mmCIF file of all heavy atoms, coordinates in Angstrom:
data_MODEL
# 
_entry.id   MODEL 
# 
loop_
_atom_site.group_PDB 
_atom_site.id 
_atom_site.type_symbol 
_atom_site.label_atom_id 
_atom_site.label_alt_id 
_atom_site.label_comp_id 
_atom_site.label_asym_id 
_atom_site.label_entity_id 
_atom_site.label_seq_id 
_atom_site.pdbx_PDB_ins_code 
_atom_site.Cartn_x 
_atom_site.Cartn_y 
_atom_site.Cartn_z 
_atom_site.occupancy 
_atom_site.B_iso_or_equiv 
_atom_site.pdbx_formal_charge 
_atom_site.auth_seq_id 
_atom_site.auth_comp_id 
_atom_site.auth_asym_id 
_atom_site.auth_atom_id 
_atom_site.pdbx_PDB_model_num 
ATOM 1   N N   . GLU A 1 1  ? 2.637  16.141 -4.504  1.00 0.00 ? 1  GLU A N   1 
ATOM 2   C CA  . GLU A 1 1  ? 1.455  15.291 -4.477  1.00 0.00 ? 1  GLU A CA  1 
ATOM 3   C C   . GLU A 1 1  ? 1.557  14.227 -5.562  1.00 0.00 ? 1  GLU A C   1 
ATOM 4   O O   . GLU A 1 1  ? 2.022  14.492 -6.667  1.00 0.00 ? 1  GLU A O   1 
ATOM 5   C CB  . GLU A 1 1  ? 0.193  16.131 -4.669  1.00 0.00 ? 1  GLU A CB  1 
ATOM 6   C CG  . GLU A 1 1  ? -0.077 17.094 -3.521  1.00 0.00 ? 1  GLU A CG  1 
ATOM 7   C CD  . GLU A 1 1  ? -1.404 17.798 -3.670  1.00 0.00 ? 1  GLU A CD  1 
ATOM 8   O OE1 . GLU A 1 1  ? -2.112 17.528 -4.673  1.00 0.00 ? 1  GLU A OE1 1 
ATOM 9   O OE2 . GLU A 1 1  ? -1.739 18.627 -2.802  1.00 0.00 ? 1  GLU A OE2 1 
ATOM 10  N N   . TYR A 1 2  ? 1.105  13.029 -5.242  1.00 0.00 ? 2  TYR A N   1 
ATOM 11  C CA  . TYR A 1 2  ? 1.051  11.954 -6.230  1.00 0.00 ? 2  TYR A CA  1 
ATOM 12  C C   . TYR A 1 2  ? -0.156 11.087 -5.926  1.00 0.00 ? 2  TYR A C   1 
ATOM 13  O O   . TYR A 1 2  ? -0.694 11.115 -4.816  1.00 0.00 ? 2  TYR A O   1 
ATOM 14  C CB  . TYR A 1 2  ? 2.328  11.108 -6.217  1.00 0.00 ? 2  TYR A CB  1 
ATOM 15  C CG  . TYR A 1 2  ? 2.716  10.566 -4.857  1.00 0.00 ? 2  TYR A CG  1 
ATOM 16  C CD1 . TYR A 1 2  ? 2.072  9.450  -4.316  1.00 0.00 ? 2  TYR A CD1 1 
ATOM 17  C CD2 . TYR A 1 2  ? 3.732  11.159 -4.100  1.00 0.00 ? 2  TYR A CD2 1 
ATOM 18  C CE1 . TYR A 1 2  ? 2.422  8.944  -3.073  1.00 0.00 ? 2  TYR A CE1 1 
ATOM 19  C CE2 . TYR A 1 2  ? 4.093  10.661 -2.858  1.00 0.00 ? 2  TYR A CE2 1 
ATOM 20  C CZ  . TYR A 1 2  ? 3.438  9.558  -2.354  1.00 0.00 ? 2  TYR A CZ  1 
ATOM 21  O OH  . TYR A 1 2  ? 3.781  9.065  -1.123  1.00 0.00 ? 2  TYR A OH  1 
ATOM 22  N N   . ARG A 1 3  ? -0.586 10.333 -6.909  1.00 0.00 ? 3  ARG A N   1 
ATOM 23  C CA  . ARG A 1 3  ? -1.735 9.440  -6.738  1.00 0.00 ? 3  ARG A CA  1 
ATOM 24  C C   . ARG A 1 3  ? -1.235 8.009  -6.600  1.00 0.00 ? 3  ARG A C   1 
ATOM 25  O O   . ARG A 1 3  ? -0.491 7.528  -7.455  1.00 0.00 ? 3  ARG A O   1 
ATOM 26  C CB  . ARG A 1 3  ? -2.684 9.550  -7.937  1.00 0.00 ? 3  ARG A CB  1 
ATOM 27  C CG  . ARG A 1 3  ? -3.967 8.711  -7.796  1.00 0.00 ? 3  ARG A CG  1 
ATOM 28  C CD  . ARG A 1 3  ? -4.913 8.977  -8.950  1.00 0.00 ? 3  ARG A CD  1 
ATOM 29  N NE  . ARG A 1 3  ? -4.390 8.487  -10.211 1.00 0.00 ? 3  ARG A NE  1 
ATOM 30  C CZ  . ARG A 1 3  ? -4.616 7.262  -10.701 1.00 0.00 ? 3  ARG A CZ  1 
ATOM 31  N NH1 . ARG A 1 3  ? -5.343 6.390  -10.009 1.00 0.00 ? 3  ARG A NH1 1 
ATOM 32  N NH2 . ARG A 1 3  ? -4.114 6.909  -11.869 1.00 0.00 ? 3  ARG A NH2 1 
ATOM 33  N N   . VAL A 1 4  ? -1.619 7.339  -5.511  1.00 0.00 ? 4  VAL A N   1 
ATOM 34  C CA  . VAL A 1 4  ? -1.226 5.945  -5.312  1.00 0.00 ? 4  VAL A CA  1 
ATOM 35  C C   . VAL A 1 4  ? -2.123 5.058  -6.172  1.00 0.00 ? 4  VAL A C   1 
ATOM 36  O O   . VAL A 1 4  ? -3.341 5.002  -5.983  1.00 0.00 ? 4  VAL A O   1 
ATOM 37  C CB  . VAL A 1 4  ? -1.327 5.540  -3.826  1.00 0.00 ? 4  VAL A CB  1 
ATOM 38  C CG1 . VAL A 1 4  ? -0.979 4.063  -3.661  1.00 0.00 ? 4  VAL A CG1 1 
ATOM 39  C CG2 . VAL A 1 4  ? -0.391 6.406  -2.977  1.00 0.00 ? 4  VAL A CG2 1 
ATOM 40  N N   . VAL A 1 5  ? -1.522 4.373  -7.117  1.00 0.00 ? 5  VAL A N   1 
ATOM 41  C CA  . VAL A 1 5  ? -2.248 3.492  -8.029  1.00 0.00 ? 5  VAL A CA  1 
ATOM 42  C C   . VAL A 1 5  ? -2.414 2.107  -7.412  1.00 0.00 ? 5  VAL A C   1 
ATOM 43  O O   . VAL A 1 5  ? -3.452 1.454  -7.559  1.00 0.00 ? 5  VAL A O   1 
ATOM 44  C CB  . VAL A 1 5  ? -1.495 3.382  -9.369  1.00 0.00 ? 5  VAL A CB  1 
ATOM 45  C CG1 . VAL A 1 5  ? -2.182 2.399  -10.311 1.00 0.00 ? 5  VAL A CG1 1 
ATOM 46  C CG2 . VAL A 1 5  ? -1.361 4.754  -10.017 1.00 0.00 ? 5  VAL A CG2 1 
ATOM 47  N N   . ARG A 1 6  ? -1.373 1.677  -6.684  1.00 0.00 ? 6  ARG A N   1 
ATOM 48  C CA  . ARG A 1 6  ? -1.403 0.352  -6.058  1.00 0.00 ? 6  ARG A CA  1 
ATOM 49  C C   . ARG A 1 6  ? -0.493 0.346  -4.841  1.00 0.00 ? 6  ARG A C   1 
ATOM 50  O O   . ARG A 1 6  ? 0.557  0.986  -4.847  1.00 0.00 ? 6  ARG A O   1 
ATOM 51  C CB  . ARG A 1 6  ? -0.930 -0.718 -7.046  1.00 0.00 ? 6  ARG A CB  1 
ATOM 52  C CG  . ARG A 1 6  ? -0.942 -2.135 -6.488  1.00 0.00 ? 6  ARG A CG  1 
ATOM 53  C CD  . ARG A 1 6  ? -0.520 -3.138 -7.539  1.00 0.00 ? 6  ARG A CD  1 
ATOM 54  N NE  . ARG A 1 6  ? -0.497 -4.479 -7.003  1.00 0.00 ? 6  ARG A NE  1 
ATOM 55  C CZ  . ARG A 1 6  ? -0.087 -5.551 -7.678  1.00 0.00 ? 6  ARG A CZ  1 
ATOM 56  N NH1 . ARG A 1 6  ? 0.344  -5.407 -8.919  1.00 0.00 ? 6  ARG A NH1 1 
ATOM 57  N NH2 . ARG A 1 6  ? -0.089 -6.739 -7.129  1.00 0.00 ? 6  ARG A NH2 1 
ATOM 58  N N   . GLN A 1 7  ? -0.907 -0.355 -3.789  1.00 0.00 ? 7  GLN A N   1 
ATOM 59  C CA  . GLN A 1 7  ? -0.081 -0.475 -2.584  1.00 0.00 ? 7  GLN A CA  1 
ATOM 60  C C   . GLN A 1 7  ? -0.104 -1.918 -2.104  1.00 0.00 ? 7  GLN A C   1 
ATOM 61  O O   . GLN A 1 7  ? -1.147 -2.560 -2.056  1.00 0.00 ? 7  GLN A O   1 
ATOM 62  C CB  . GLN A 1 7  ? -0.583 0.443  -1.479  1.00 0.00 ? 7  GLN A CB  1 
ATOM 63  C CG  . GLN A 1 7  ? 0.286  0.391  -0.225  1.00 0.00 ? 7  GLN A CG  1 
ATOM 64  C CD  . GLN A 1 7  ? -0.148 1.406  0.819   1.00 0.00 ? 7  GLN A CD  1 
ATOM 65  O OE1 . GLN A 1 7  ? -1.263 1.923  0.778   1.00 0.00 ? 7  GLN A OE1 1 
ATOM 66  N NE2 . GLN A 1 7  ? 0.734  1.726  1.748   1.00 0.00 ? 7  GLN A NE2 1 
ATOM 67  N N   . GLU A 1 8  ? 1.080  -2.413 -1.744  1.00 0.00 ? 8  GLU A N   1 
ATOM 68  C CA  . GLU A 1 8  ? 1.211  -3.762 -1.200  1.00 0.00 ? 8  GLU A CA  1 
ATOM 69  C C   . GLU A 1 8  ? 2.330  -3.728 -0.155  1.00 0.00 ? 8  GLU A C   1 
ATOM 70  O O   . GLU A 1 8  ? 3.502  -3.802 -0.492  1.00 0.00 ? 8  GLU A O   1 
ATOM 71  C CB  . GLU A 1 8  ? 1.530  -4.765 -2.310  1.00 0.00 ? 8  GLU A CB  1 
ATOM 72  C CG  . GLU A 1 8  ? 1.580  -6.213 -1.837  1.00 0.00 ? 8  GLU A CG  1 
ATOM 73  C CD  . GLU A 1 8  ? 1.829  -7.179 -2.973  1.00 0.00 ? 8  GLU A CD  1 
ATOM 74  O OE1 . GLU A 1 8  ? 1.153  -7.055 -4.022  1.00 0.00 ? 8  GLU A OE1 1 
ATOM 75  O OE2 . GLU A 1 8  ? 2.716  -8.049 -2.815  1.00 0.00 ? 8  GLU A OE2 1 
ATOM 76  N N   . GLY A 1 9  ? 1.950  -3.581 1.101   1.00 0.00 ? 9  GLY A N   1 
ATOM 77  C CA  . GLY A 1 9  ? 2.947  -3.464 2.164   1.00 0.00 ? 9  GLY A CA  1 
ATOM 78  C C   . GLY A 1 9  ? 3.771  -2.206 1.995   1.00 0.00 ? 9  GLY A C   1 
ATOM 79  O O   . GLY A 1 9  ? 3.244  -1.102 1.907   1.00 0.00 ? 9  GLY A O   1 
ATOM 80  N N   . VAL A 1 10 ? 5.099  -2.371 1.913   1.00 0.00 ? 10 VAL A N   1 
ATOM 81  C CA  . VAL A 1 10 ? 6.004  -1.219 1.769   1.00 0.00 ? 10 VAL A CA  1 
ATOM 82  C C   . VAL A 1 10 ? 6.149  -0.772 0.316   1.00 0.00 ? 10 VAL A C   1 
ATOM 83  O O   . VAL A 1 10 ? 6.836  0.212  0.035   1.00 0.00 ? 10 VAL A O   1 
ATOM 84  C CB  . VAL A 1 10 ? 7.399  -1.545 2.346   1.00 0.00 ? 10 VAL A CB  1 
ATOM 85  C CG1 . VAL A 1 10 ? 7.324  -1.799 3.833   1.00 0.00 ? 10 VAL A CG1 1 
ATOM 86  C CG2 . VAL A 1 10 ? 8.015  -2.753 1.625   1.00 0.00 ? 10 VAL A CG2 1 
ATOM 87  N N   . PHE A 1 11 ? 5.498  -1.481 -0.613  1.00 0.00 ? 11 PHE A N   1 
ATOM 88  C CA  . PHE A 1 11 ? 5.602  -1.158 -2.035  1.00 0.00 ? 11 PHE A CA  1 
ATOM 89  C C   . PHE A 1 11 ? 4.417  -0.305 -2.487  1.00 0.00 ? 11 PHE A C   1 
ATOM 90  O O   . PHE A 1 11 ? 3.282  -0.548 -2.070  1.00 0.00 ? 11 PHE A O   1 
ATOM 91  C CB  . PHE A 1 11 ? 5.642  -2.435 -2.877  1.00 0.00 ? 11 PHE A CB  1 
ATOM 92  C CG  . PHE A 1 11 ? 6.759  -3.368 -2.507  1.00 0.00 ? 11 PHE A CG  1 
ATOM 93  C CD1 . PHE A 1 11 ? 6.511  -4.530 -1.783  1.00 0.00 ? 11 PHE A CD1 1 
ATOM 94  C CD2 . PHE A 1 11 ? 8.067  -3.098 -2.879  1.00 0.00 ? 11 PHE A CD2 1 
ATOM 95  C CE1 . PHE A 1 11 ? 7.528  -5.387 -1.431  1.00 0.00 ? 11 PHE A CE1 1 
ATOM 96  C CE2 . PHE A 1 11 ? 9.103  -3.954 -2.545  1.00 0.00 ? 11 PHE A CE2 1 
ATOM 97  C CZ  . PHE A 1 11 ? 8.837  -5.110 -1.819  1.00 0.00 ? 11 PHE A CZ  1 
ATOM 98  N N   . GLU A 1 12 ? 4.694  0.672  -3.338  1.00 0.00 ? 12 GLU A N   1 
ATOM 99  C CA  . GLU A 1 12 ? 3.637  1.486  -3.932  1.00 0.00 ? 12 GLU A CA  1 
ATOM 100 C C   . GLU A 1 12 ? 3.954  1.754  -5.396  1.00 0.00 ? 12 GLU A C   1 
ATOM 101 O O   . GLU A 1 12 ? 5.120  1.864  -5.781  1.00 0.00 ? 12 GLU A O   1 
ATOM 102 C CB  . GLU A 1 12 ? 3.497  2.832  -3.216  1.00 0.00 ? 12 GLU A CB  1 
ATOM 103 C CG  . GLU A 1 12 ? 2.805  2.771  -1.875  1.00 0.00 ? 12 GLU A CG  1 
ATOM 104 C CD  . GLU A 1 12 ? 2.553  4.152  -1.297  1.00 0.00 ? 12 GLU A CD  1 
ATOM 105 O OE1 . GLU A 1 12 ? 3.138  5.140  -1.806  1.00 0.00 ? 12 GLU A OE1 1 
ATOM 106 O OE2 . GLU A 1 12 ? 1.769  4.245  -0.340  1.00 0.00 ? 12 GLU A OE2 1 
ATOM 107 N N   . VAL A 1 13 ? 2.893  1.895  -6.185  1.00 0.00 ? 13 VAL A N   1 
ATOM 108 C CA  . VAL A 1 13 ? 2.994  2.413  -7.543  1.00 0.00 ? 13 VAL A CA  1 
ATOM 109 C C   . VAL A 1 13 ? 2.255  3.740  -7.538  1.00 0.00 ? 13 VAL A C   1 
ATOM 110 O O   . VAL A 1 13 ? 1.109  3.831  -7.083  1.00 0.00 ? 13 VAL A O   1 
ATOM 111 C CB  . VAL A 1 13 ? 2.386  1.452  -8.576  1.00 0.00 ? 13 VAL A CB  1 
ATOM 112 C CG1 . VAL A 1 13 ? 2.389  2.090  -9.965  1.00 0.00 ? 13 VAL A CG1 1 
ATOM 113 C CG2 . VAL A 1 13 ? 3.168  0.140  -8.593  1.00 0.00 ? 13 VAL A CG2 1 
ATOM 114 N N   . ARG A 1 14 ? 2.915  4.791  -8.033  1.00 0.00 ? 14 ARG A N   1 
ATOM 115 C CA  . ARG A 1 14 ? 2.394  6.150  -7.934  1.00 0.00 ? 14 ARG A CA  1 
ATOM 116 C C   . ARG A 1 14 ? 2.395  6.845  -9.292  1.00 0.00 ? 14 ARG A C   1 
ATOM 117 O O   . ARG A 1 14 ? 3.295  6.632  -10.096 1.00 0.00 ? 14 ARG A O   1 
ATOM 118 C CB  . ARG A 1 14 ? 3.258  6.981  -6.979  1.00 0.00 ? 14 ARG A CB  1 
ATOM 119 C CG  . ARG A 1 14 ? 3.452  6.373  -5.610  1.00 0.00 ? 14 ARG A CG  1 
ATOM 120 C CD  . ARG A 1 14 ? 4.615  7.043  -4.897  1.00 0.00 ? 14 ARG A CD  1 
ATOM 121 N NE  . ARG A 1 14 ? 4.806  6.544  -3.532  1.00 0.00 ? 14 ARG A NE  1 
ATOM 122 C CZ  . ARG A 1 14 ? 5.864  6.835  -2.781  1.00 0.00 ? 14 ARG A CZ  1 
ATOM 123 N NH1 . ARG A 1 14 ? 6.819  7.628  -3.268  1.00 0.00 ? 14 ARG A NH1 1 
ATOM 124 N NH2 . ARG A 1 14 ? 5.962  6.335  -1.562  1.00 0.00 ? 14 ARG A NH2 1 
ATOM 125 N N   . ASP A 1 15 ? 1.419  7.713  -9.480  1.00 0.00 ? 15 ASP A N   1 
ATOM 126 C CA  . ASP A 1 15 ? 1.407  8.609  -10.632 1.00 0.00 ? 15 ASP A CA  1 
ATOM 127 C C   . ASP A 1 15 ? 1.799  10.004 -10.156 1.00 0.00 ? 15 ASP A C   1 
ATOM 128 O O   . ASP A 1 15 ? 1.129  10.599 -9.306  1.00 0.00 ? 15 ASP A O   1 
ATOM 129 C CB  . ASP A 1 15 ? 0.021  8.646  -11.277 1.00 0.00 ? 15 ASP A CB  1 
ATOM 130 C CG  . ASP A 1 15 ? -0.242 7.433  -12.143 1.00 0.00 ? 15 ASP A CG  1 
ATOM 131 O OD1 . ASP A 1 15 ? 0.734  6.745  -12.521 1.00 0.00 ? 15 ASP A OD1 1 
ATOM 132 O OD2 . ASP A 1 15 ? -1.418 7.161  -12.447 1.00 0.00 ? 15 ASP A OD2 1 
ATOM 133 N N   . TYR A 1 16 ? 2.921  10.509 -10.685 1.00 0.00 ? 16 TYR A N   1 
ATOM 134 C CA  . TYR A 1 16 ? 3.404  11.835 -10.332 1.00 0.00 ? 16 TYR A CA  1 
ATOM 135 C C   . TYR A 1 16 ? 3.010  12.844 -11.403 1.00 0.00 ? 16 TYR A C   1 
ATOM 136 O O   . TYR A 1 16 ? 3.032  12.535 -12.594 1.00 0.00 ? 16 TYR A O   1 
ATOM 137 C CB  . TYR A 1 16 ? 4.931  11.829 -10.210 1.00 0.00 ? 16 TYR A CB  1 
ATOM 138 C CG  . TYR A 1 16 ? 5.450  11.238 -8.925  1.00 0.00 ? 16 TYR A CG  1 
ATOM 139 C CD1 . TYR A 1 16 ? 5.724  9.879  -8.831  1.00 0.00 ? 16 TYR A CD1 1 
ATOM 140 C CD2 . TYR A 1 16 ? 5.680  12.034 -7.812  1.00 0.00 ? 16 TYR A CD2 1 
ATOM 141 C CE1 . TYR A 1 16 ? 6.211  9.327  -7.655  1.00 0.00 ? 16 TYR A CE1 1 
ATOM 142 C CE2 . TYR A 1 16 ? 6.170  11.498 -6.634  1.00 0.00 ? 16 TYR A CE2 1 
ATOM 143 C CZ  . TYR A 1 16 ? 6.430  10.144 -6.560  1.00 0.00 ? 16 TYR A CZ  1 
ATOM 144 O OH  . TYR A 1 16 ? 6.911  9.609  -5.395  1.00 0.00 ? 16 TYR A OH  1 
ATOM 145 N N   . PRO A 1 17 ? 2.686  14.067 -11.006 1.00 0.00 ? 17 PRO A N   1 
ATOM 146 C CA  . PRO A 1 17 ? 2.373  15.109 -11.983 1.00 0.00 ? 17 PRO A CA  1 
ATOM 147 C C   . PRO A 1 17 ? 3.647  15.725 -12.540 1.00 0.00 ? 17 PRO A C   1 
ATOM 148 O O   . PRO A 1 17 ? 4.761  15.372 -12.149 1.00 0.00 ? 17 PRO A O   1 
ATOM 149 C CB  . PRO A 1 17 ? 1.607  16.138 -11.139 1.00 0.00 ? 17 PRO A CB  1 
ATOM 150 C CG  . PRO A 1 17 ? 2.263  16.031 -9.787  1.00 0.00 ? 17 PRO A CG  1 
ATOM 151 C CD  . PRO A 1 17 ? 2.575  14.552 -9.618  1.00 0.00 ? 17 PRO A CD  1 
ATOM 152 N N   . SER A 1 18 ? 3.493  16.675 -13.441 1.00 0.00 ? 18 SER A N   1 
ATOM 153 C CA  . SER A 1 18 ? 4.626  17.447 -13.922 1.00 0.00 ? 18 SER A CA  1 
ATOM 154 C C   . SER A 1 18 ? 5.192  18.280 -12.774 1.00 0.00 ? 18 SER A C   1 
ATOM 155 O O   . SER A 1 18 ? 4.443  18.807 -11.948 1.00 0.00 ? 18 SER A O   1 
ATOM 156 C CB  . SER A 1 18 ? 4.172  18.367 -15.059 1.00 0.00 ? 18 SER A CB  1 
ATOM 157 O OG  . SER A 1 18 ? 5.256  19.134 -15.535 1.00 0.00 ? 18 SER A OG  1 
ATOM 158 N N   . LEU A 1 19 ? 6.512  18.380 -12.706 1.00 0.00 ? 19 LEU A N   1 
ATOM 159 C CA  . LEU A 1 19 ? 7.185  19.072 -11.609 1.00 0.00 ? 19 LEU A CA  1 
ATOM 160 C C   . LEU A 1 19 ? 8.220  20.043 -12.154 1.00 0.00 ? 19 LEU A C   1 
ATOM 161 O O   . LEU A 1 19 ? 8.767  19.842 -13.225 1.00 0.00 ? 19 LEU A O   1 
ATOM 162 C CB  . LEU A 1 19 ? 7.869  18.056 -10.688 1.00 0.00 ? 19 LEU A CB  1 
ATOM 163 C CG  . LEU A 1 19 ? 6.967  16.994 -10.054 1.00 0.00 ? 19 LEU A CG  1 
ATOM 164 C CD1 . LEU A 1 19 ? 7.807  15.852 -9.500  1.00 0.00 ? 19 LEU A CD1 1 
ATOM 165 C CD2 . LEU A 1 19 ? 6.111  17.605 -8.968  1.00 0.00 ? 19 LEU A CD2 1 
ATOM 166 N N   . VAL A 1 20 ? 8.489  21.083 -11.375 1.00 0.00 ? 20 VAL A N   1 
ATOM 167 C CA  . VAL A 1 20 ? 9.543  22.037 -11.702 1.00 0.00 ? 20 VAL A CA  1 
ATOM 168 C C   . VAL A 1 20 ? 10.712 21.771 -10.764 1.00 0.00 ? 20 VAL A C   1 
ATOM 169 O O   . VAL A 1 20 ? 10.531 21.677 -9.547  1.00 0.00 ? 20 VAL A O   1 
ATOM 170 C CB  . VAL A 1 20 ? 9.058  23.486 -11.545 1.00 0.00 ? 20 VAL A CB  1 
ATOM 171 C CG1 . VAL A 1 20 ? 10.186 24.466 -11.880 1.00 0.00 ? 20 VAL A CG1 1 
ATOM 172 C CG2 . VAL A 1 20 ? 7.856  23.745 -12.438 1.00 0.00 ? 20 VAL A CG2 1 
ATOM 173 N N   . VAL A 1 21 ? 11.915 21.646 -11.320 1.00 0.00 ? 21 VAL A N   1 
ATOM 174 C CA  . VAL A 1 21 ? 13.073 21.309 -10.500 1.00 0.00 ? 21 VAL A CA  1 
ATOM 175 C C   . VAL A 1 21 ? 14.198 22.313 -10.702 1.00 0.00 ? 21 VAL A C   1 
ATOM 176 O O   . VAL A 1 21 ? 14.296 22.973 -11.740 1.00 0.00 ? 21 VAL A O   1 
ATOM 177 C CB  . VAL A 1 21 ? 13.603 19.890 -10.824 1.00 0.00 ? 21 VAL A CB  1 
ATOM 178 C CG1 . VAL A 1 21 ? 12.498 18.865 -10.666 1.00 0.00 ? 21 VAL A CG1 1 
ATOM 179 C CG2 . VAL A 1 21 ? 14.206 19.818 -12.210 1.00 0.00 ? 21 VAL A CG2 1 
ATOM 180 N N   . ALA A 1 22 ? 15.037 22.421 -9.669  1.00 0.00 ? 22 ALA A N   1 
ATOM 181 C CA  . ALA A 1 22 ? 16.330 23.096 -9.770  1.00 0.00 ? 22 ALA A CA  1 
ATOM 182 C C   . ALA A 1 22 ? 17.382 22.004 -9.641  1.00 0.00 ? 22 ALA A C   1 
ATOM 183 O O   . ALA A 1 22 ? 17.251 21.117 -8.790  1.00 0.00 ? 22 ALA A O   1 
ATOM 184 C CB  . ALA A 1 22 ? 16.484 24.142 -8.672  1.00 0.00 ? 22 ALA A CB  1 
ATOM 185 N N   . GLU A 1 23 ? 18.415 22.034 -10.443 1.00 0.00 ? 23 GLU A N   1 
ATOM 186 C CA  . GLU A 1 23 ? 19.381 20.948 -10.437 1.00 0.00 ? 23 GLU A CA  1 
ATOM 187 C C   . GLU A 1 23 ? 20.805 21.449 -10.662 1.00 0.00 ? 23 GLU A C   1 
ATOM 188 O O   . GLU A 1 23 ? 21.034 22.522 -11.235 1.00 0.00 ? 23 GLU A O   1 
ATOM 189 C CB  . GLU A 1 23 ? 19.037 19.902 -11.499 1.00 0.00 ? 23 GLU A CB  1 
ATOM 190 C CG  . GLU A 1 23 ? 19.134 20.415 -12.920 1.00 0.00 ? 23 GLU A CG  1 
ATOM 191 C CD  . GLU A 1 23 ? 18.776 19.364 -13.954 1.00 0.00 ? 23 GLU A CD  1 
ATOM 192 O OE1 . GLU A 1 23 ? 18.004 18.444 -13.632 1.00 0.00 ? 23 GLU A OE1 1 
ATOM 193 O OE2 . GLU A 1 23 ? 19.269 19.473 -15.092 1.00 0.00 ? 23 GLU A OE2 1 
ATOM 194 N N   . VAL A 1 24 ? 21.762 20.655 -10.173 1.00 0.00 ? 24 VAL A N   1 
ATOM 195 C CA  . VAL A 1 24 ? 23.189 20.883 -10.426 1.00 0.00 ? 24 VAL A CA  1 
ATOM 196 C C   . VAL A 1 24 ? 23.831 19.537 -10.727 1.00 0.00 ? 24 VAL A C   1 
ATOM 197 O O   . VAL A 1 24 ? 23.321 18.490 -10.331 1.00 0.00 ? 24 VAL A O   1 
ATOM 198 C CB  . VAL A 1 24 ? 23.910 21.539 -9.221  1.00 0.00 ? 24 VAL A CB  1 
ATOM 199 C CG1 . VAL A 1 24 ? 23.368 22.929 -8.959  1.00 0.00 ? 24 VAL A CG1 1 
ATOM 200 C CG2 . VAL A 1 24 ? 23.806 20.671 -7.980  1.00 0.00 ? 24 VAL A CG2 1 
ATOM 201 N N   . SER A 1 25 ? 24.959 19.552 -11.412 1.00 0.00 ? 25 SER A N   1 
ATOM 202 C CA  . SER A 1 25 ? 25.712 18.333 -11.703 1.00 0.00 ? 25 SER A CA  1 
ATOM 203 C C   . SER A 1 25 ? 26.940 18.266 -10.807 1.00 0.00 ? 25 SER A C   1 
ATOM 204 O O   . SER A 1 25 ? 27.587 19.288 -10.552 1.00 0.00 ? 25 SER A O   1 
ATOM 205 C CB  . SER A 1 25 ? 26.158 18.309 -13.168 1.00 0.00 ? 25 SER A CB  1 
ATOM 206 O OG  . SER A 1 25 ? 25.046 18.287 -14.029 1.00 0.00 ? 25 SER A OG  1 
ATOM 207 N N   . ARG A 1 26 ? 27.241 17.068 -10.340 1.00 0.00 ? 26 ARG A N   1 
ATOM 208 C CA  . ARG A 1 26 ? 28.392 16.852 -9.473  1.00 0.00 ? 26 ARG A CA  1 
ATOM 209 C C   . ARG A 1 26 ? 29.072 15.535 -9.815  1.00 0.00 ? 26 ARG A C   1 
ATOM 210 O O   . ARG A 1 26 ? 28.430 14.587 -10.273 1.00 0.00 ? 26 ARG A O   1 
ATOM 211 C CB  . ARG A 1 26 ? 27.971 16.837 -8.002  1.00 0.00 ? 26 ARG A CB  1 
ATOM 212 C CG  . ARG A 1 26 ? 27.561 18.203 -7.453  1.00 0.00 ? 26 ARG A CG  1 
ATOM 213 C CD  . ARG A 1 26 ? 28.741 19.138 -7.406  1.00 0.00 ? 26 ARG A CD  1 
ATOM 214 N NE  . ARG A 1 26 ? 28.415 20.433 -6.818  1.00 0.00 ? 26 ARG A NE  1 
ATOM 215 C CZ  . ARG A 1 26 ? 28.002 21.487 -7.515  1.00 0.00 ? 26 ARG A CZ  1 
ATOM 216 N NH1 . ARG A 1 26 ? 27.829 21.378 -8.821  1.00 0.00 ? 26 ARG A NH1 1 
ATOM 217 N NH2 . ARG A 1 26 ? 27.763 22.642 -6.909  1.00 0.00 ? 26 ARG A NH2 1 
ATOM 218 N N   . GLN A 1 27 ? 30.380 15.458 -9.580  1.00 0.00 ? 27 GLN A N   1 
ATOM 219 C CA  . GLN A 1 27 ? 31.152 14.233 -9.756  1.00 0.00 ? 27 GLN A CA  1 
ATOM 220 C C   . GLN A 1 27 ? 31.488 13.643 -8.390  1.00 0.00 ? 27 GLN A C   1 
ATOM 221 O O   . GLN A 1 27 ? 31.484 14.343 -7.374  1.00 0.00 ? 27 GLN A O   1 
ATOM 222 C CB  . GLN A 1 27 ? 32.453 14.533 -10.501 1.00 0.00 ? 27 GLN A CB  1 
ATOM 223 C CG  . GLN A 1 27 ? 32.257 15.040 -11.935 1.00 0.00 ? 27 GLN A CG  1 
ATOM 224 C CD  . GLN A 1 27 ? 31.678 13.993 -12.839 1.00 0.00 ? 27 GLN A CD  1 
ATOM 225 O OE1 . GLN A 1 27 ? 30.647 14.216 -13.462 1.00 0.00 ? 27 GLN A OE1 1 
ATOM 226 N NE2 . GLN A 1 27 ? 32.316 12.840 -12.911 1.00 0.00 ? 27 GLN A NE2 1 
ATOM 227 N N   . GLY A 1 28 ? 31.815 12.355 -8.377  1.00 0.00 ? 28 GLY A N   1 
ATOM 228 C CA  . GLY A 1 28 ? 32.270 11.725 -7.147  1.00 0.00 ? 28 GLY A CA  1 
ATOM 229 C C   . GLY A 1 28 ? 31.331 10.656 -6.644  1.00 0.00 ? 28 GLY A C   1 
ATOM 230 O O   . GLY A 1 28 ? 30.369 10.277 -7.304  1.00 0.00 ? 28 GLY A O   1 
# 
């Protein structure tokens, strides 16, 4: 979920909350 602060056509400015992620590193 995020809050749309501004929208103009295909462009948006959004406020995202804190998120929990799983991640890995890769080369190439």
